[in-house]
Amino acid sequence: MNYSLPDIMIRPMVQQALQEDLGRRGDITSEAVIHHTRTAKLHIVAREAGILCGLDLARLCFNEMGAQFTTTVQDGMPIKKGTILATVEGQAYTLLSAERTALNFLTHLTGIATQTHQLQHQISHTKAKITCTRKTIPLLRVLQKYAVRVGGGRNHRMGLDDAILIKDNHIALSGGNIVQTIQQAKAYAGHLIPIEIEVDTLEQLKIVLNEGVSLVLLDNMSTAQLTEAVELCRGRTQTEASGGLNPSNLVEVAQTGVDFLAMGYLTHSASYIDIGLDYL
């Protein structure tokens, strides 16, 4: 599968990120010590294995600074330590000016894609699919959720306008009656907007199953409760486990038979993958 993000979408992000680093005067270190006429060829190199993600952002970082960017790899490909991901050529000082911004995008997004890939592989013997959440860095959500897809995961809501997800505070602030809240949501949604509702007890689940929701979010349930909940929902609605999911408990939860695993961990706790810009 080919993964990419349209330049028209990501160029403003790249420009803003470069501006954040260049500030008011630009890269004064490189301008001070490297002559403007000097050119160079540098290589972006993986220093550990992973699933590559963010290459288009890195390309635009260097292109915006007037440098050429060539590569034979693409997002979604497994990379090994020592793999040359791309070659950049241009004025030497501009290559260094773009370096950190490009690598920040690459190391962060490759980390998310790698983590997602590893976790989905751990539960490949089950039917469960990993999904990310809205626990993302502000203004980077589209990139972080893209990295999850590159790693083989799925996206939950991109924002509050994607689907209706009724949580405990919605129920409390709409009057406290869970059935009435669902009925209000269905009247608002029409036939095109899916409705998911969060439950944290089996008693709640039994009530909402009679209301015909698209999906139930089983929040902070034990594996025994999840197993029972899956049986109650079989043939009636899909199930999604949520709450404190991490690498240590993921397999156990997946084996309960749930359809989806909502993991904020993917975007808020993934480690960076080490990638550098080297003069070889």
C-alpha atoms as a PDB file:
ATOM      1  CA  MET A   1       0.000   0.000   0.000  1.00  0.00           C
ATOM      2  CA  ASN A   2       1.244   3.479  -0.871  1.00  0.00           C
ATOM      3  CA  TYR A   3       1.098   6.033   1.933  1.00  0.00           C
ATOM      4  CA  SER A   4       1.450   9.778   1.450  1.00  0.00           C
ATOM      5  CA  LEU A   5      -0.010  13.102   2.516  1.00  0.00           C
ATOM      6  CA  PRO A   6      -0.893  15.782  -0.063  1.00  0.00           C
ATOM      7  CA  ASP A   7       1.648  18.607  -0.214  1.00  0.00           C
ATOM      8  CA  ILE A   8      -1.169  21.163  -0.076  1.00  0.00           C
ATOM      9  CA  MET A   9      -2.116  19.786   3.339  1.00  0.00           C
ATOM     10  CA  ILE A  10       1.298  19.509   4.932  1.00  0.00           C
ATOM     11  CA  ARG A  11       3.226  22.438   3.409  1.00  0.00           C
ATOM     12  CA  PRO A  12       1.740  24.998   5.857  1.00  0.00           C
ATOM     13  CA  MET A  13       2.750  22.728   8.765  1.00  0.00           C
ATOM     14  CA  VAL A  14       6.289  22.459   7.422  1.00  0.00           C
ATOM     15  CA  GLN A  15       6.556  26.197   6.840  1.00  0.00           C
ATOM     16  CA  GLN A  16       5.341  26.954  10.346  1.00  0.00           C
ATOM     17  CA  ALA A  17       7.744  24.433  11.855  1.00  0.00           C
ATOM     18  CA  LEU A  18      10.680  25.872   9.920  1.00  0.00           C
ATOM     19  CA  GLN A  19       9.713  29.380  10.976  1.00  0.00           C
ATOM     20  CA  GLU A  20       9.607  28.274  14.603  1.00  0.00           C
ATOM     21  CA  ASP A  21      13.229  27.096  14.334  1.00  0.00           C
ATOM     22  CA  LEU A  22      14.599  29.868  12.124  1.00  0.00           C
ATOM     23  CA  GLY A  23      13.062  32.607  14.253  1.00  0.00           C
ATOM     24  CA  ARG A  24      13.795  36.228  13.348  1.00  0.00           C
ATOM     25  CA  ARG A  25      17.350  35.919  12.026  1.00  0.00           C
ATOM     26  CA  GLY A  26      17.650  32.438  10.579  1.00  0.00           C
ATOM     27  CA  ASP A  27      20.358  29.870  11.327  1.00  0.00           C
ATOM     28  CA  ILE A  28      23.052  32.248  12.562  1.00  0.00           C
ATOM     29  CA  THR A  29      25.487  29.439  13.423  1.00  0.00           C
ATOM     30  CA  SER A  30      25.564  28.026   9.891  1.00  0.00           C
ATOM     31  CA  GLU A  31      25.594  31.471   8.323  1.00  0.00           C
ATOM     32  CA  ALA A  32      28.512  32.472  10.543  1.00  0.00           C
ATOM     33  CA  VAL A  33      30.807  29.536   9.808  1.00  0.00           C
ATOM     34  CA  ILE A  34      29.787  28.113   6.395  1.00  0.00           C
ATOM     35  CA  HIS A  35      30.358  30.138   3.216  1.00  0.00           C
ATOM     36  CA  HIS A  36      27.210  30.717   1.151  1.00  0.00           C
ATOM     37  CA  THR A  37      28.818  29.334  -1.990  1.00  0.00           C
ATOM     38  CA  ARG A  38      29.662  25.968  -0.483  1.00  0.00           C
ATOM     39  CA  THR A  39      27.475  23.063  -1.566  1.00  0.00           C
ATOM     40  CA  ALA A  40      27.132  19.641  -0.003  1.00  0.00           C
ATOM     41  CA  LYS A  41      25.501  16.242  -0.296  1.00  0.00           C
ATOM     42  CA  LEU A  42      24.220  14.695   2.945  1.00  0.00           C
ATOM     43  CA  HIS A  43      22.329  11.494   3.707  1.00  0.00           C
ATOM     44  CA  ILE A  44      19.372  10.827   5.989  1.00  0.00           C
ATOM     45  CA  VAL A  45      20.251   7.550   7.698  1.00  0.00           C
ATOM     46  CA  ALA A  46      18.282   5.241   9.987  1.00  0.00           C
ATOM     47  CA  ARG A  47      20.168   4.510  13.187  1.00  0.00           C
ATOM     48  CA  GLU A  48      17.719   1.831  14.304  1.00  0.00           C
ATOM     49  CA  ALA A  49      15.056  -0.374  12.739  1.00  0.00           C
ATOM     50  CA  GLY A  50      11.445   0.667  12.337  1.00  0.00           C
ATOM     51  CA  ILE A  51       8.558   1.439   9.997  1.00  0.00           C
ATOM     52  CA  LEU A  52       9.302   4.594   8.029  1.00  0.00           C
ATOM     53  CA  CYS A  53       6.888   7.513   8.264  1.00  0.00           C
ATOM     54  CA  GLY A  54       7.095  11.233   7.552  1.00  0.00           C
ATOM     55  CA  LEU A  55       9.207  11.216   4.410  1.00  0.00           C
ATOM     56  CA  ASP A  56       7.030  13.769   2.580  1.00  0.00           C
ATOM     57  CA  LEU A  57       7.408  16.191   5.465  1.00  0.00           C
ATOM     58  CA  ALA A  58      11.180  15.800   5.447  1.00  0.00           C
ATOM     59  CA  ARG A  59      11.226  16.359   1.691  1.00  0.00           C
ATOM     60  CA  LEU A  60       9.274  19.578   1.993  1.00  0.00           C
ATOM     61  CA  CYS A  61      11.532  20.818   4.802  1.00  0.00           C
ATOM     62  CA  PHE A  62      14.551  20.623   2.514  1.00  0.00           C
ATOM     63  CA  ASN A  63      12.680  21.787  -0.595  1.00  0.00           C
ATOM     64  CA  GLU A  64      11.457  24.900   1.239  1.00  0.00           C
ATOM     65  CA  MET A  65      15.100  25.739   1.944  1.00  0.00           C
ATOM     66  CA  GLY A  66      16.016  25.320  -1.724  1.00  0.00           C
ATOM     67  CA  ALA A  67      17.606  21.869  -1.470  1.00  0.00           C
ATOM     68  CA  GLN A  68      17.117  18.793  -3.642  1.00  0.00           C
ATOM     69  CA  PHE A  69      15.737  15.653  -2.012  1.00  0.00           C
ATOM     70  CA  THR A  70      15.994  12.204  -3.569  1.00  0.00           C
ATOM     71  CA  THR A  71      14.883   8.868  -2.163  1.00  0.00           C
ATOM     72  CA  THR A  72      14.179   5.289  -3.183  1.00  0.00           C
ATOM     73  CA  VAL A  73      12.057   4.393  -0.148  1.00  0.00           C
ATOM     74  CA  GLN A  74       8.572   5.397   0.960  1.00  0.00           C
ATOM     75  CA  ASP A  75       6.401   5.595   4.047  1.00  0.00           C
ATOM     76  CA  GLY A  76       5.276   2.225   5.364  1.00  0.00           C
ATOM     77  CA  MET A  77       8.473   0.404   4.421  1.00  0.00           C
ATOM     78  CA  PRO A  78      10.445  -1.451   7.099  1.00  0.00           C
ATOM     79  CA  ILE A  79      13.884   0.091   7.585  1.00  0.00           C
ATOM     80  CA  LYS A  80      17.031  -1.318   9.155  1.00  0.00           C
ATOM     81  CA  LYS A  81      19.847   0.313  11.054  1.00  0.00           C
ATOM     82  CA  GLY A  82      22.122   1.928   8.475  1.00  0.00           C
ATOM     83  CA  THR A  83      19.477   2.275   5.756  1.00  0.00           C
ATOM     84  CA  ILE A  84      19.948   5.457   3.709  1.00  0.00           C
ATOM     85  CA  LEU A  85      16.473   6.966   3.575  1.00  0.00           C
ATOM     86  CA  ALA A  86      17.227   9.963   1.352  1.00  0.00           C
ATOM     87  CA  THR A  87      19.959  12.157  -0.057  1.00  0.00           C
ATOM     88  CA  VAL A  88      19.818  15.948   0.140  1.00  0.00           C
ATOM     89  CA  GLU A  89      21.901  18.355  -1.937  1.00  0.00           C
ATOM     90  CA  GLY A  90      22.203  22.114  -1.997  1.00  0.00           C
ATOM     91  CA  GLN A  91      23.854  25.034  -0.262  1.00  0.00           C
ATOM     92  CA  ALA A  92      25.563  23.537   2.770  1.00  0.00           C
ATOM     93  CA  TYR A  93      24.243  26.040   5.304  1.00  0.00           C
ATOM     94  CA  THR A  94      20.616  25.563   4.196  1.00  0.00           C
ATOM     95  CA  LEU A  95      20.871  21.792   4.606  1.00  0.00           C
ATOM     96  CA  LEU A  96      21.786  22.294   8.242  1.00  0.00           C
ATOM     97  CA  SER A  97      19.021  24.868   8.671  1.00  0.00           C
ATOM     98  CA  ALA A  98      16.398  22.295   7.614  1.00  0.00           C
ATOM     99  CA  GLU A  99      17.996  19.339   9.404  1.00  0.00           C
ATOM    100  CA  ARG A 100      16.354  19.429  12.832  1.00  0.00           C
ATOM    101  CA  THR A 101      12.827  20.184  11.622  1.00  0.00           C
ATOM    102  CA  ALA A 102      12.966  17.374   9.064  1.00  0.00           C
ATOM    103  CA  LEU A 103      14.352  14.905  11.583  1.00  0.00           C
ATOM    104  CA  ASN A 104      11.807  15.899  14.228  1.00  0.00           C
ATOM    105  CA  PHE A 105       9.000  14.950  11.862  1.00  0.00           C
ATOM    106  CA  LEU A 106      10.711  11.726  10.780  1.00  0.00           C
ATOM    107  CA  THR A 107      11.758  10.431  14.199  1.00  0.00           C
ATOM    108  CA  HIS A 108       8.404  11.162  15.842  1.00  0.00           C
ATOM    109  CA  LEU A 109       6.141   9.779  13.117  1.00  0.00           C
ATOM    110  CA  THR A 110       8.370   6.758  12.462  1.00  0.00           C
ATOM    111  CA  GLY A 111       8.204   6.060  16.188  1.00  0.00           C
ATOM    112  CA  ILE A 112       4.404   6.037  16.140  1.00  0.00           C
ATOM    113  CA  ALA A 113       4.242   3.882  13.005  1.00  0.00           C
ATOM    114  CA  THR A 114       6.777   1.447  14.442  1.00  0.00           C
ATOM    115  CA  GLN A 115       4.994   1.152  17.774  1.00  0.00           C
ATOM    116  CA  THR A 116       1.636   0.619  16.069  1.00  0.00           C
ATOM    117  CA  HIS A 117       3.073  -2.056  13.798  1.00  0.00           C
ATOM    118  CA  GLN A 118       4.652  -3.918  16.706  1.00  0.00           C
ATOM    119  CA  LEU A 119       1.504  -3.862  18.810  1.00  0.00           C
ATOM    120  CA  GLN A 120      -0.801  -4.906  15.976  1.00  0.00           C
ATOM    121  CA  HIS A 121       1.568  -7.791  15.265  1.00  0.00           C
ATOM    122  CA  GLN A 122       1.348  -8.909  18.902  1.00  0.00           C
ATOM    123  CA  ILE A 123      -2.416  -9.376  18.578  1.00  0.00           C
ATOM    124  CA  SER A 124      -2.459 -10.730  15.018  1.00  0.00           C
ATOM    125  CA  HIS A 125      -3.830 -14.053  16.306  1.00  0.00           C
ATOM    126  CA  THR A 126      -7.021 -12.224  17.371  1.00  0.00           C
ATOM    127  CA  LYS A 127      -9.626 -10.301  15.384  1.00  0.00           C
ATOM    128  CA  ALA A 128      -9.019  -7.071  17.317  1.00  0.00           C
ATOM    129  CA  LYS A 129      -7.843  -3.949  15.488  1.00  0.00           C
ATOM    130  CA  ILE A 130      -5.886  -1.167  17.176  1.00  0.00           C
ATOM    131  CA  THR A 131      -7.307   2.334  16.873  1.00  0.00           C
ATOM    132  CA  CYS A 132      -5.823   5.647  17.963  1.00  0.00           C
ATOM    133  CA  THR A 133      -7.720   8.318  19.901  1.00  0.00           C
ATOM    134  CA  ARG A 134      -7.921  12.124  20.133  1.00  0.00           C
ATOM    135  CA  LYS A 135      -5.070  12.113  22.677  1.00  0.00           C
ATOM    136  CA  THR A 136      -2.728  13.814  20.251  1.00  0.00           C
ATOM    137  CA  ILE A 137      -0.384  16.802  20.317  1.00  0.00           C
ATOM    138  CA  PRO A 138      -2.420  19.908  19.415  1.00  0.00           C
ATOM    139  CA  LEU A 139      -2.114  20.814  15.712  1.00  0.00           C
ATOM    140  CA  LEU A 140      -0.298  17.526  14.925  1.00  0.00           C
ATOM    141  CA  ARG A 141      -3.329  15.231  14.981  1.00  0.00           C
ATOM    142  CA  VAL A 142      -3.537  14.691  11.235  1.00  0.00           C
ATOM    143  CA  LEU A 143       0.147  13.674  11.182  1.00  0.00           C
ATOM    144  CA  GLN A 144       0.016  11.414  14.221  1.00  0.00           C
ATOM    145  CA  LYS A 145      -3.105   9.657  13.006  1.00  0.00           C
ATOM    146  CA  TYR A 146      -1.496   9.256   9.590  1.00  0.00           C
ATOM    147  CA  ALA A 147       1.460   7.550  11.285  1.00  0.00           C
ATOM    148  CA  VAL A 148      -0.925   5.137  13.009  1.00  0.00           C
ATOM    149  CA  ARG A 149      -2.378   4.165   9.616  1.00  0.00           C
ATOM    150  CA  VAL A 150       1.112   3.726   8.169  1.00  0.00           C
ATOM    151  CA  GLY A 151       1.879   1.351  11.044  1.00  0.00           C
ATOM    152  CA  GLY A 152      -1.175  -0.773  10.287  1.00  0.00           C
ATOM    153  CA  GLY A 153      -3.577   0.672  12.840  1.00  0.00           C
ATOM    154  CA  ARG A 154      -6.893   2.408  12.378  1.00  0.00           C
ATOM    155  CA  ASN A 155      -8.101   5.894  13.155  1.00  0.00           C
ATOM    156  CA  HIS A 156     -10.860   6.597  15.632  1.00  0.00           C
ATOM    157  CA  ARG A 157     -12.529   9.998  15.318  1.00  0.00           C
ATOM    158  CA  MET A 158     -10.380  12.663  13.690  1.00  0.00           C
ATOM    159  CA  GLY A 159     -12.368  15.266  15.594  1.00  0.00           C
ATOM    160  CA  LEU A 160     -15.618  15.947  17.376  1.00  0.00           C
ATOM    161  CA  ASP A 161     -17.485  16.245  14.069  1.00  0.00           C
ATOM    162  CA  ASP A 162     -16.800  12.716  12.769  1.00  0.00           C
ATOM    163  CA  ALA A 163     -19.251  10.683  14.815  1.00  0.00           C
ATOM    164  CA  ILE A 164     -21.355  10.857  17.959  1.00  0.00           C
ATOM    165  CA  LEU A 165     -19.618   9.332  20.977  1.00  0.00           C
ATOM    166  CA  ILE A 166     -21.703   9.596  24.133  1.00  0.00           C
ATOM    167  CA  LYS A 167     -19.680   9.490  27.364  1.00  0.00           C
ATOM    168  CA  ASP A 168     -20.635   9.675  31.019  1.00  0.00           C
ATOM    169  CA  ASN A 169     -20.453  13.476  31.161  1.00  0.00           C
ATOM    170  CA  HIS A 170     -22.770  13.762  28.172  1.00  0.00           C
ATOM    171  CA  ILE A 171     -25.314  11.579  29.958  1.00  0.00           C
ATOM    172  CA  ALA A 172     -24.983  13.509  33.215  1.00  0.00           C
ATOM    173  CA  LEU A 173     -25.282  16.932  31.593  1.00  0.00           C
ATOM    174  CA  SER A 174     -28.188  15.949  29.338  1.00  0.00           C
ATOM    175  CA  GLY A 175     -30.335  14.886  32.268  1.00  0.00           C
ATOM    176  CA  GLY A 176     -28.864  11.629  33.550  1.00  0.00           C
ATOM    177  CA  ASN A 177     -31.090   9.217  31.612  1.00  0.00           C
ATOM    178  CA  ILE A 178     -28.958   7.035  29.330  1.00  0.00           C
ATOM    179  CA  VAL A 179     -31.856   5.903  27.125  1.00  0.00           C
ATOM    180  CA  GLN A 180     -33.145   9.433  26.675  1.00  0.00           C
ATOM    181  CA  THR A 181     -29.633  10.625  25.785  1.00  0.00           C
ATOM    182  CA  ILE A 182     -29.304   7.959  23.094  1.00  0.00           C
ATOM    183  CA  GLN A 183     -32.709   8.805  21.660  1.00  0.00           C
ATOM    184  CA  GLN A 184     -31.794  12.497  21.494  1.00  0.00           C
ATOM    185  CA  ALA A 185     -28.568  11.614  19.703  1.00  0.00           C
ATOM    186  CA  LYS A 186     -30.362   9.393  17.182  1.00  0.00           C
ATOM    187  CA  ALA A 187     -32.879  12.119  16.430  1.00  0.00           C
ATOM    188  CA  TYR A 188     -30.029  14.558  15.787  1.00  0.00           C
ATOM    189  CA  ALA A 189     -27.829  12.198  13.770  1.00  0.00           C
ATOM    190  CA  GLY A 190     -30.212  11.041  11.109  1.00  0.00           C
ATOM    191  CA  HIS A 191     -29.142   7.990   9.117  1.00  0.00           C
ATOM    192  CA  LEU A 192     -25.577   8.949   8.139  1.00  0.00           C
ATOM    193  CA  ILE A 193     -23.819   9.693  11.448  1.00  0.00           C
ATOM    194  CA  PRO A 194     -22.770   6.652  13.512  1.00  0.00           C
ATOM    195  CA  ILE A 195     -23.445   6.611  17.256  1.00  0.00           C
ATOM    196  CA  GLU A 196     -21.152   5.051  19.834  1.00  0.00           C
ATOM    197  CA  ILE A 197     -21.836   5.017  23.558  1.00  0.00           C
ATOM    198  CA  GLU A 198     -19.465   4.462  26.452  1.00  0.00           C
ATOM    199  CA  VAL A 199     -20.481   2.066  29.215  1.00  0.00           C
ATOM    200  CA  ASP A 200     -18.545   1.023  32.291  1.00  0.00           C
ATOM    201  CA  THR A 201     -20.832  -1.677  33.695  1.00  0.00           C
ATOM    202  CA  LEU A 202     -22.574  -4.708  32.254  1.00  0.00           C
ATOM    203  CA  GLU A 203     -25.869  -3.345  33.568  1.00  0.00           C
ATOM    204  CA  GLN A 204     -25.449  -0.211  31.447  1.00  0.00           C
ATOM    205  CA  LEU A 205     -24.528  -2.354  28.462  1.00  0.00           C
ATOM    206  CA  LYS A 206     -27.721  -4.408  28.717  1.00  0.00           C
ATOM    207  CA  ILE A 207     -29.748  -1.214  28.661  1.00  0.00           C
ATOM    208  CA  VAL A 208     -28.042   0.377  25.640  1.00  0.00           C
ATOM    209  CA  LEU A 209     -28.133  -2.806  23.557  1.00  0.00           C
ATOM    210  CA  ASN A 210     -31.875  -2.346  23.240  1.00  0.00           C
ATOM    211  CA  GLU A 211     -31.364   1.100  21.669  1.00  0.00           C
ATOM    212  CA  GLY A 212     -29.612   0.024  18.472  1.00  0.00           C
ATOM    213  CA  VAL A 213     -26.285   1.878  18.708  1.00  0.00           C
ATOM    214  CA  SER A 214     -23.526   1.326  16.150  1.00  0.00           C
ATOM    215  CA  LEU A 215     -20.749   0.604  18.637  1.00  0.00           C
ATOM    216  CA  VAL A 216     -20.238   0.320  22.390  1.00  0.00           C
ATOM    217  CA  LEU A 217     -17.120   1.578  24.140  1.00  0.00           C
ATOM    218  CA  LEU A 218     -16.346  -0.736  27.041  1.00  0.00           C
ATOM    219  CA  ASP A 219     -14.492   1.544  29.427  1.00  0.00           C
ATOM    220  CA  ASN A 220     -12.053   0.299  32.068  1.00  0.00           C
ATOM    221  CA  MET A 221     -13.603  -3.159  32.299  1.00  0.00           C
ATOM    222  CA  SER A 222     -11.774  -6.226  33.587  1.00  0.00           C
ATOM    223  CA  THR A 223     -10.999  -8.994  31.110  1.00  0.00           C
ATOM    224  CA  ALA A 224     -13.764 -11.094  32.682  1.00  0.00           C
ATOM    225  CA  GLN A 225     -16.252  -8.265  32.171  1.00  0.00           C
ATOM    226  CA  LEU A 226     -15.035  -7.716  28.610  1.00  0.00           C
ATOM    227  CA  THR A 227     -15.474 -11.375  27.784  1.00  0.00           C
ATOM    228  CA  GLU A 228     -19.044 -11.294  29.053  1.00  0.00           C
ATOM    229  CA  ALA A 229     -19.727  -8.014  27.282  1.00  0.00           C
ATOM    230  CA  VAL A 230     -18.541  -9.441  23.959  1.00  0.00           C
ATOM    231  CA  GLU A 231     -20.998 -12.334  24.334  1.00  0.00           C
ATOM    232  CA  LEU A 232     -23.842  -9.943  25.119  1.00  0.00           C
ATOM    233  CA  CYS A 233     -23.021  -7.874  22.029  1.00  0.00           C
ATOM    234  CA  ARG A 234     -22.488 -10.754  19.613  1.00  0.00           C
ATOM    235  CA  GLY A 235     -24.598 -10.208  16.497  1.00  0.00           C
ATOM    236  CA  ARG A 236     -26.021  -6.945  17.881  1.00  0.00           C
ATOM    237  CA  THR A 237     -23.232  -4.345  17.796  1.00  0.00           C
ATOM    238  CA  GLN A 238     -19.460  -3.981  17.614  1.00  0.00           C
ATOM    239  CA  THR A 239     -17.296  -3.609  20.693  1.00  0.00           C
ATOM    240  CA  GLU A 240     -14.360  -1.378  21.559  1.00  0.00           C
ATOM    241  CA  ALA A 241     -12.225  -1.687  24.700  1.00  0.00           C
ATOM    242  CA  SER A 242     -10.801   1.482  26.213  1.00  0.00           C
ATOM    243  CA  GLY A 243      -8.968   2.651  29.304  1.00  0.00           C
ATOM    244  CA  GLY A 244      -5.327   2.130  30.238  1.00  0.00           C
ATOM    245  CA  LEU A 245      -4.427  -0.079  27.297  1.00  0.00           C
ATOM    246  CA  ASN A 246      -0.666  -0.513  26.888  1.00  0.00           C
ATOM    247  CA  PRO A 247       1.828  -3.135  25.661  1.00  0.00           C
ATOM    248  CA  SER A 248       1.671  -5.062  28.941  1.00  0.00           C
ATOM    249  CA  ASN A 249      -2.071  -5.783  28.844  1.00  0.00           C
ATOM    250  CA  LEU A 250      -2.922  -5.483  25.149  1.00  0.00           C
ATOM    251  CA  VAL A 251      -2.814  -9.189  24.253  1.00  0.00           C
ATOM    252  CA  GLU A 252      -4.951 -10.183  27.230  1.00  0.00           C
ATOM    253  CA  VAL A 253      -7.604  -7.632  26.325  1.00  0.00           C
ATOM    254  CA  ALA A 254      -7.539  -8.531  22.612  1.00  0.00           C
ATOM    255  CA  GLN A 255      -8.146 -12.180  23.454  1.00  0.00           C
ATOM    256  CA  THR A 256     -11.506 -11.324  25.051  1.00  0.00           C
ATOM    257  CA  GLY A 257     -12.914 -11.047  21.526  1.00  0.00           C
ATOM    258  CA  VAL A 258     -13.429  -7.273  21.289  1.00  0.00           C
ATOM    259  CA  ASP A 259     -13.447  -5.785  17.800  1.00  0.00           C
ATOM    260  CA  PHE A 260     -11.351  -2.688  18.507  1.00  0.00           C
ATOM    261  CA  LEU A 261      -8.775  -1.461  21.010  1.00  0.00           C
ATOM    262  CA  ALA A 262      -8.749   2.308  21.598  1.00  0.00           C
ATOM    263  CA  MET A 263      -5.176   3.265  22.517  1.00  0.00           C
ATOM    264  CA  GLY A 264      -4.109   6.777  23.390  1.00  0.00           C
ATOM    265  CA  TYR A 265      -0.735   5.153  24.051  1.00  0.00           C
ATOM    266  CA  LEU A 266      -0.012   5.047  20.320  1.00  0.00           C
ATOM    267  CA  THR A 267       0.249   8.807  20.014  1.00  0.00           C
ATOM    268  CA  HIS A 268       1.141  10.041  23.482  1.00  0.00           C
ATOM    269  CA  SER A 269       3.762   7.470  24.533  1.00  0.00           C
ATOM    270  CA  ALA A 270       5.487   6.146  21.415  1.00  0.00           C
ATOM    271  CA  SER A 271       9.287   6.377  21.506  1.00  0.00           C
ATOM    272  CA  TYR A 272      11.210   8.242  18.831  1.00  0.00           C
ATOM    273  CA  ILE A 273      13.133   6.199  16.265  1.00  0.00           C
ATOM    274  CA  ASP A 274      16.701   7.463  15.880  1.00  0.00           C
ATOM    275  CA  ILE A 275      17.347   8.934  12.433  1.00  0.00           C
ATOM    276  CA  GLY A 276      20.232  11.252  11.564  1.00  0.00           C
ATOM    277  CA  LEU A 277      21.640  13.471   8.841  1.00  0.00           C
ATOM    278  CA  ASP A 278      25.172  12.304   8.044  1.00  0.00           C
ATOM    279  CA  TYR A 279      28.066  13.522   5.917  1.00  0.00           C
ATOM    280  CA  LEU A 280      29.341  10.238   4.452  1.00  0.00           C
END
